[in-house]
Amino acid sequence: MDLKENNFTYRLATIEDLESVWNKDIARNGGDARWVQWKEDYIGYNLENKAKTFVALNSYGDVIAQITLIISPMVKAVKNRLSLCDGNIIANFNAFRCDEEYRGQGHISKLVKLAENWAIENKIEVVTIGVEASCPKNMCIYFHFGFTNLVTYEYDSEENELVLYYSKRIIG
C-alpha cells in the first residue's frame, strides 16, 4: 500500500513512525502533558485497530506529515458519537499535521487519498472531519477535499472552540 512519488513515501504508519512523529509533536509543544497522553492514546489506538495513521516520509525516512483515520467509536476524539464514527461504515479523520517546510506541497492530499482508499477497501462508506469555526483556511481545505455536508457541531470547552463536523461519502 506504499505510494512513492518525487522522493516521498506515503504509507500506513509503523510503530516507529508513530513514536517519531509523536515525540516531535511533544517537543514542539514544550512537553505538554496532554501531548504525552495523546501519544500513548494514539499509538494504542493503532495497535488495537481502533485507528489507522498514515504518514508521509521524506527521502531521509523522516515523517513529515500525518493523518489518522479513526475507525472505532471508542476513541476519545469521537466520544462514542456514532454520527462521527460508528465502527462500521462511518469513520473520522483526525490529527492532520504537516511540518511547516513541507506545507502546500500536496502531502496531506496524498495522505487523504491513501486513507480513503484504505477505507473503501474496508467497506467504510462515509468519512467525517471536524474543523474549528475559527479556522476558515482549514475549512476551505476540507471543503476542497469534498467534506461539505454538515453533520453536527459542538462547543469544545477545553479548547474554548466551536467545532463543526462535516462528512463526505466515499462509497456509493
C-alpha atoms as a PDB file:
ATOM      1  CA  MET A   1       0.000   0.000   0.000  1.00  0.00           C
ATOM      2  CA  ASP A   2       3.059   2.256  -0.130  1.00  0.00           C
ATOM      3  CA  LEU A   3       2.972   5.103  -2.629  1.00  0.00           C
ATOM      4  CA  LYS A   4       6.300   6.555  -3.754  1.00  0.00           C
ATOM      5  CA  GLU A   5       6.385   9.872  -5.533  1.00  0.00           C
ATOM      6  CA  ASN A   6       9.099  12.525  -6.001  1.00  0.00           C
ATOM      7  CA  ASN A   7      11.401  11.204  -3.237  1.00  0.00           C
ATOM      8  CA  PHE A   8       8.489  10.907  -0.787  1.00  0.00           C
ATOM      9  CA  THR A   9       6.807   7.780   0.535  1.00  0.00           C
ATOM     10  CA  TYR A  10       3.175   7.676   1.695  1.00  0.00           C
ATOM     11  CA  ARG A  11       2.036   4.699   3.743  1.00  0.00           C
ATOM     12  CA  LEU A  12       0.388   3.265   6.797  1.00  0.00           C
ATOM     13  CA  ALA A  13       2.451   4.222   9.859  1.00  0.00           C
ATOM     14  CA  THR A  14       4.668   1.767  11.677  1.00  0.00           C
ATOM     15  CA  ILE A  15       5.048   1.908  15.450  1.00  0.00           C
ATOM     16  CA  GLU A  16       8.465   3.506  14.887  1.00  0.00           C
ATOM     17  CA  ASP A  17       6.826   6.200  12.721  1.00  0.00           C
ATOM     18  CA  LEU A  18       4.255   6.870  15.433  1.00  0.00           C
ATOM     19  CA  GLU A  19       6.919   7.131  18.138  1.00  0.00           C
ATOM     20  CA  SER A  20       8.899   9.553  15.972  1.00  0.00           C
ATOM     21  CA  VAL A  21       6.009  11.798  14.984  1.00  0.00           C
ATOM     22  CA  TRP A  22       4.544  11.991  18.482  1.00  0.00           C
ATOM     23  CA  ASN A  23       7.952  12.695  20.043  1.00  0.00           C
ATOM     24  CA  LYS A  24       8.349  15.552  17.552  1.00  0.00           C
ATOM     25  CA  ASP A  25       4.870  16.879  18.445  1.00  0.00           C
ATOM     26  CA  ILE A  26       5.634  16.657  22.174  1.00  0.00           C
ATOM     27  CA  ALA A  27       8.887  18.575  21.696  1.00  0.00           C
ATOM     28  CA  ARG A  28       7.127  21.248  19.583  1.00  0.00           C
ATOM     29  CA  ASN A  29       4.598  21.712  22.370  1.00  0.00           C
ATOM     30  CA  GLY A  30       7.093  22.066  25.204  1.00  0.00           C
ATOM     31  CA  GLY A  31       6.481  18.621  26.664  1.00  0.00           C
ATOM     32  CA  ASP A  32       2.824  19.486  27.413  1.00  0.00           C
ATOM     33  CA  ALA A  33       1.353  16.529  29.336  1.00  0.00           C
ATOM     34  CA  ARG A  34      -1.687  16.444  27.014  1.00  0.00           C
ATOM     35  CA  TRP A  35       0.594  15.639  24.061  1.00  0.00           C
ATOM     36  CA  VAL A  36       2.290  12.891  26.083  1.00  0.00           C
ATOM     37  CA  GLN A  37      -1.143  11.381  26.794  1.00  0.00           C
ATOM     38  CA  TRP A  38      -2.256  11.748  23.175  1.00  0.00           C
ATOM     39  CA  LYS A  39       0.894   9.910  22.072  1.00  0.00           C
ATOM     40  CA  GLU A  40       0.052   6.998  24.354  1.00  0.00           C
ATOM     41  CA  ASP A  41      -3.600   7.040  23.251  1.00  0.00           C
ATOM     42  CA  TYR A  42      -2.986   7.205  19.511  1.00  0.00           C
ATOM     43  CA  ILE A  43      -0.252   4.567  19.479  1.00  0.00           C
ATOM     44  CA  GLY A  44      -2.634   2.352  21.466  1.00  0.00           C
ATOM     45  CA  TYR A  45      -5.498   3.044  19.063  1.00  0.00           C
ATOM     46  CA  ASN A  46      -3.300   1.976  16.141  1.00  0.00           C
ATOM     47  CA  LEU A  47      -2.147  -1.171  17.954  1.00  0.00           C
ATOM     48  CA  GLU A  48      -5.763  -2.059  18.862  1.00  0.00           C
ATOM     49  CA  ASN A  49      -7.042  -1.372  15.308  1.00  0.00           C
ATOM     50  CA  LYS A  50      -9.261   1.444  16.551  1.00  0.00           C
ATOM     51  CA  ALA A  51      -7.449   3.882  14.247  1.00  0.00           C
ATOM     52  CA  LYS A  52      -5.057   3.872  11.318  1.00  0.00           C
ATOM     53  CA  THR A  53      -2.430   6.573  10.969  1.00  0.00           C
ATOM     54  CA  PHE A  54      -0.991   7.358   7.550  1.00  0.00           C
ATOM     55  CA  VAL A  55       2.335   9.135   7.130  1.00  0.00           C
ATOM     56  CA  ALA A  56       4.437  10.885   4.510  1.00  0.00           C
ATOM     57  CA  LEU A  57       8.194  10.394   4.732  1.00  0.00           C
ATOM     58  CA  ASN A  58      10.912  12.407   3.046  1.00  0.00           C
ATOM     59  CA  SER A  59      13.887  10.846   1.267  1.00  0.00           C
ATOM     60  CA  TYR A  60      15.709  10.503   4.626  1.00  0.00           C
ATOM     61  CA  GLY A  61      12.842   8.462   6.100  1.00  0.00           C
ATOM     62  CA  ASP A  62      11.666  11.265   8.395  1.00  0.00           C
ATOM     63  CA  VAL A  63       7.916  11.565   8.958  1.00  0.00           C
ATOM     64  CA  ILE A  64       6.923  14.979   7.593  1.00  0.00           C
ATOM     65  CA  ALA A  65       3.103  14.664   7.612  1.00  0.00           C
ATOM     66  CA  GLN A  66       0.402  12.503   9.148  1.00  0.00           C
ATOM     67  CA  ILE A  67      -3.326  11.949   9.303  1.00  0.00           C
ATOM     68  CA  THR A  68      -5.292   9.473  11.386  1.00  0.00           C
ATOM     69  CA  LEU A  69      -8.455   7.661  10.381  1.00  0.00           C
ATOM     70  CA  ILE A  70     -10.491   6.763  13.464  1.00  0.00           C
ATOM     71  CA  ILE A  71     -12.438   3.566  12.874  1.00  0.00           C
ATOM     72  CA  SER A  72     -13.827   2.843  16.366  1.00  0.00           C
ATOM     73  CA  PRO A  73     -16.412   4.916  18.238  1.00  0.00           C
ATOM     74  CA  MET A  74     -14.496   4.071  21.439  1.00  0.00           C
ATOM     75  CA  VAL A  75     -11.720   6.549  20.564  1.00  0.00           C
ATOM     76  CA  LYS A  76     -11.887   9.628  22.819  1.00  0.00           C
ATOM     77  CA  ALA A  77     -11.811  12.074  19.892  1.00  0.00           C
ATOM     78  CA  VAL A  78     -15.230  10.873  18.693  1.00  0.00           C
ATOM     79  CA  LYS A  79     -16.568  10.194  22.194  1.00  0.00           C
ATOM     80  CA  ASN A  80     -18.942   7.431  21.079  1.00  0.00           C
ATOM     81  CA  ARG A  81     -20.782   9.860  18.779  1.00  0.00           C
ATOM     82  CA  LEU A  82     -21.997   7.425  16.159  1.00  0.00           C
ATOM     83  CA  SER A  83     -22.726  10.168  13.618  1.00  0.00           C
ATOM     84  CA  LEU A  84     -18.939  10.767  13.515  1.00  0.00           C
ATOM     85  CA  CYS A  85     -17.700   7.169  13.709  1.00  0.00           C
ATOM     86  CA  ASP A  86     -19.875   4.093  14.099  1.00  0.00           C
ATOM     87  CA  GLY A  87     -17.280   1.305  13.900  1.00  0.00           C
ATOM     88  CA  ASN A  88     -18.955   0.031  10.765  1.00  0.00           C
ATOM     89  CA  ILE A  89     -19.485   2.327   7.761  1.00  0.00           C
ATOM     90  CA  ILE A  90     -18.582   5.757   9.202  1.00  0.00           C
ATOM     91  CA  ALA A  91     -15.019   6.732  10.118  1.00  0.00           C
ATOM     92  CA  ASN A  92     -13.472  10.032  11.219  1.00  0.00           C
ATOM     93  CA  PHE A  93     -10.374  11.873  10.049  1.00  0.00           C
ATOM     94  CA  ASN A  94      -8.302  13.325  12.864  1.00  0.00           C
ATOM     95  CA  ALA A  95      -4.834  14.712  13.620  1.00  0.00           C
ATOM     96  CA  PHE A  96      -3.846  16.278  10.310  1.00  0.00           C
ATOM     97  CA  ARG A  97      -0.325  17.625  10.705  1.00  0.00           C
ATOM     98  CA  CYS A  98       2.431  18.600   8.304  1.00  0.00           C
ATOM     99  CA  ASP A  99       5.865  20.020   9.064  1.00  0.00           C
ATOM    100  CA  GLU A 100       5.973  23.721   8.213  1.00  0.00           C
ATOM    101  CA  GLU A 101       8.601  23.418   5.466  1.00  0.00           C
ATOM    102  CA  TYR A 102       6.507  20.802   3.633  1.00  0.00           C
ATOM    103  CA  ARG A 103       3.130  22.555   3.728  1.00  0.00           C
ATOM    104  CA  GLY A 104       1.376  23.420   0.494  1.00  0.00           C
ATOM    105  CA  GLN A 105       3.143  20.653  -1.435  1.00  0.00           C
ATOM    106  CA  GLY A 106       0.242  18.183  -1.604  1.00  0.00           C
ATOM    107  CA  HIS A 107       1.379  15.749   1.090  1.00  0.00           C
ATOM    108  CA  ILE A 108      -1.858  15.925   3.073  1.00  0.00           C
ATOM    109  CA  SER A 109      -3.878  15.484  -0.138  1.00  0.00           C
ATOM    110  CA  LYS A 110      -1.954  12.305  -0.935  1.00  0.00           C
ATOM    111  CA  LEU A 111      -2.464  11.003   2.606  1.00  0.00           C
ATOM    112  CA  VAL A 112      -6.199  11.741   2.434  1.00  0.00           C
ATOM    113  CA  LYS A 113      -6.451   9.790  -0.834  1.00  0.00           C
ATOM    114  CA  LEU A 114      -4.412   6.906   0.609  1.00  0.00           C
ATOM    115  CA  ALA A 115      -6.574   6.780   3.743  1.00  0.00           C
ATOM    116  CA  GLU A 116      -9.786   6.998   1.709  1.00  0.00           C
ATOM    117  CA  ASN A 117      -8.619   4.093  -0.460  1.00  0.00           C
ATOM    118  CA  TRP A 118      -7.905   2.086   2.697  1.00  0.00           C
ATOM    119  CA  ALA A 119     -11.376   2.991   3.996  1.00  0.00           C
ATOM    120  CA  ILE A 120     -13.050   1.931   0.747  1.00  0.00           C
ATOM    121  CA  GLU A 121     -11.192  -1.400   0.807  1.00  0.00           C
ATOM    122  CA  ASN A 122     -12.547  -1.873   4.345  1.00  0.00           C
ATOM    123  CA  LYS A 123     -16.169  -1.095   3.388  1.00  0.00           C
ATOM    124  CA  ILE A 124     -16.301   2.332   5.022  1.00  0.00           C
ATOM    125  CA  GLU A 125     -18.832   4.470   3.162  1.00  0.00           C
ATOM    126  CA  VAL A 126     -18.655   7.851   4.892  1.00  0.00           C
ATOM    127  CA  VAL A 127     -15.778   9.811   6.385  1.00  0.00           C
ATOM    128  CA  THR A 128     -16.261  12.737   8.776  1.00  0.00           C
ATOM    129  CA  ILE A 129     -13.932  15.511   9.884  1.00  0.00           C
ATOM    130  CA  GLY A 130     -14.034  18.268  12.496  1.00  0.00           C
ATOM    131  CA  VAL A 131     -12.845  21.824  11.964  1.00  0.00           C
ATOM    132  CA  GLU A 132     -12.667  24.727  14.367  1.00  0.00           C
ATOM    133  CA  ALA A 133     -15.006  27.514  13.252  1.00  0.00           C
ATOM    134  CA  SER A 134     -12.170  29.998  13.871  1.00  0.00           C
ATOM    135  CA  CYS A 135     -10.032  28.297  11.164  1.00  0.00           C
ATOM    136  CA  PRO A 136     -11.573  29.285   7.817  1.00  0.00           C
ATOM    137  CA  LYS A 137      -8.374  28.259   5.981  1.00  0.00           C
ATOM    138  CA  ASN A 138      -8.732  24.671   7.220  1.00  0.00           C
ATOM    139  CA  MET A 139     -12.443  24.733   6.465  1.00  0.00           C
ATOM    140  CA  CYS A 140     -11.692  25.717   2.843  1.00  0.00           C
ATOM    141  CA  ILE A 141      -9.143  22.893   2.576  1.00  0.00           C
ATOM    142  CA  TYR A 142     -11.654  20.354   3.889  1.00  0.00           C
ATOM    143  CA  PHE A 143     -14.342  21.654   1.515  1.00  0.00           C
ATOM    144  CA  HIS A 144     -11.800  21.187  -1.306  1.00  0.00           C
ATOM    145  CA  PHE A 145     -11.409  17.550  -0.177  1.00  0.00           C
ATOM    146  CA  GLY A 146     -15.200  17.142  -0.506  1.00  0.00           C
ATOM    147  CA  PHE A 147     -16.288  17.472   3.130  1.00  0.00           C
ATOM    148  CA  THR A 148     -19.346  19.659   2.518  1.00  0.00           C
ATOM    149  CA  ASN A 149     -22.213  18.017   4.414  1.00  0.00           C
ATOM    150  CA  LEU A 150     -22.588  19.498   7.919  1.00  0.00           C
ATOM    151  CA  VAL A 151     -23.183  16.605  10.323  1.00  0.00           C
ATOM    152  CA  THR A 152     -23.166  18.310  13.729  1.00  0.00           C
ATOM    153  CA  TYR A 153     -21.333  20.870  15.814  1.00  0.00           C
ATOM    154  CA  GLU A 154     -20.219  21.209  19.406  1.00  0.00           C
ATOM    155  CA  TYR A 155     -18.569  23.650  21.724  1.00  0.00           C
ATOM    156  CA  ASP A 156     -15.243  22.266  22.953  1.00  0.00           C
ATOM    157  CA  SER A 157     -14.946  23.835  26.411  1.00  0.00           C
ATOM    158  CA  GLU A 158     -11.395  22.524  26.917  1.00  0.00           C
ATOM    159  CA  GLU A 159     -10.192  24.396  23.814  1.00  0.00           C
ATOM    160  CA  ASN A 160     -12.820  27.189  24.090  1.00  0.00           C
ATOM    161  CA  GLU A 161     -13.714  26.500  20.473  1.00  0.00           C
ATOM    162  CA  LEU A 162     -16.763  25.823  18.304  1.00  0.00           C
ATOM    163  CA  VAL A 163     -16.100  22.692  16.229  1.00  0.00           C
ATOM    164  CA  LEU A 164     -18.063  21.940  13.055  1.00  0.00           C
ATOM    165  CA  TYR A 165     -18.211  18.354  11.762  1.00  0.00           C
ATOM    166  CA  TYR A 166     -18.599  17.621   8.070  1.00  0.00           C
ATOM    167  CA  SER A 167     -18.924  14.384   6.125  1.00  0.00           C
ATOM    168  CA  LYS A 168     -18.043  13.012   2.720  1.00  0.00           C
ATOM    169  CA  ARG A 169     -19.480   9.894   1.096  1.00  0.00           C
ATOM    170  CA  ILE A 170     -16.673   7.807  -0.408  1.00  0.00           C
ATOM    171  CA  ILE A 171     -18.717   4.757  -1.493  1.00  0.00           C
ATOM    172  CA  GLY A 172     -21.992   4.910  -3.364  1.00  0.00           C
END
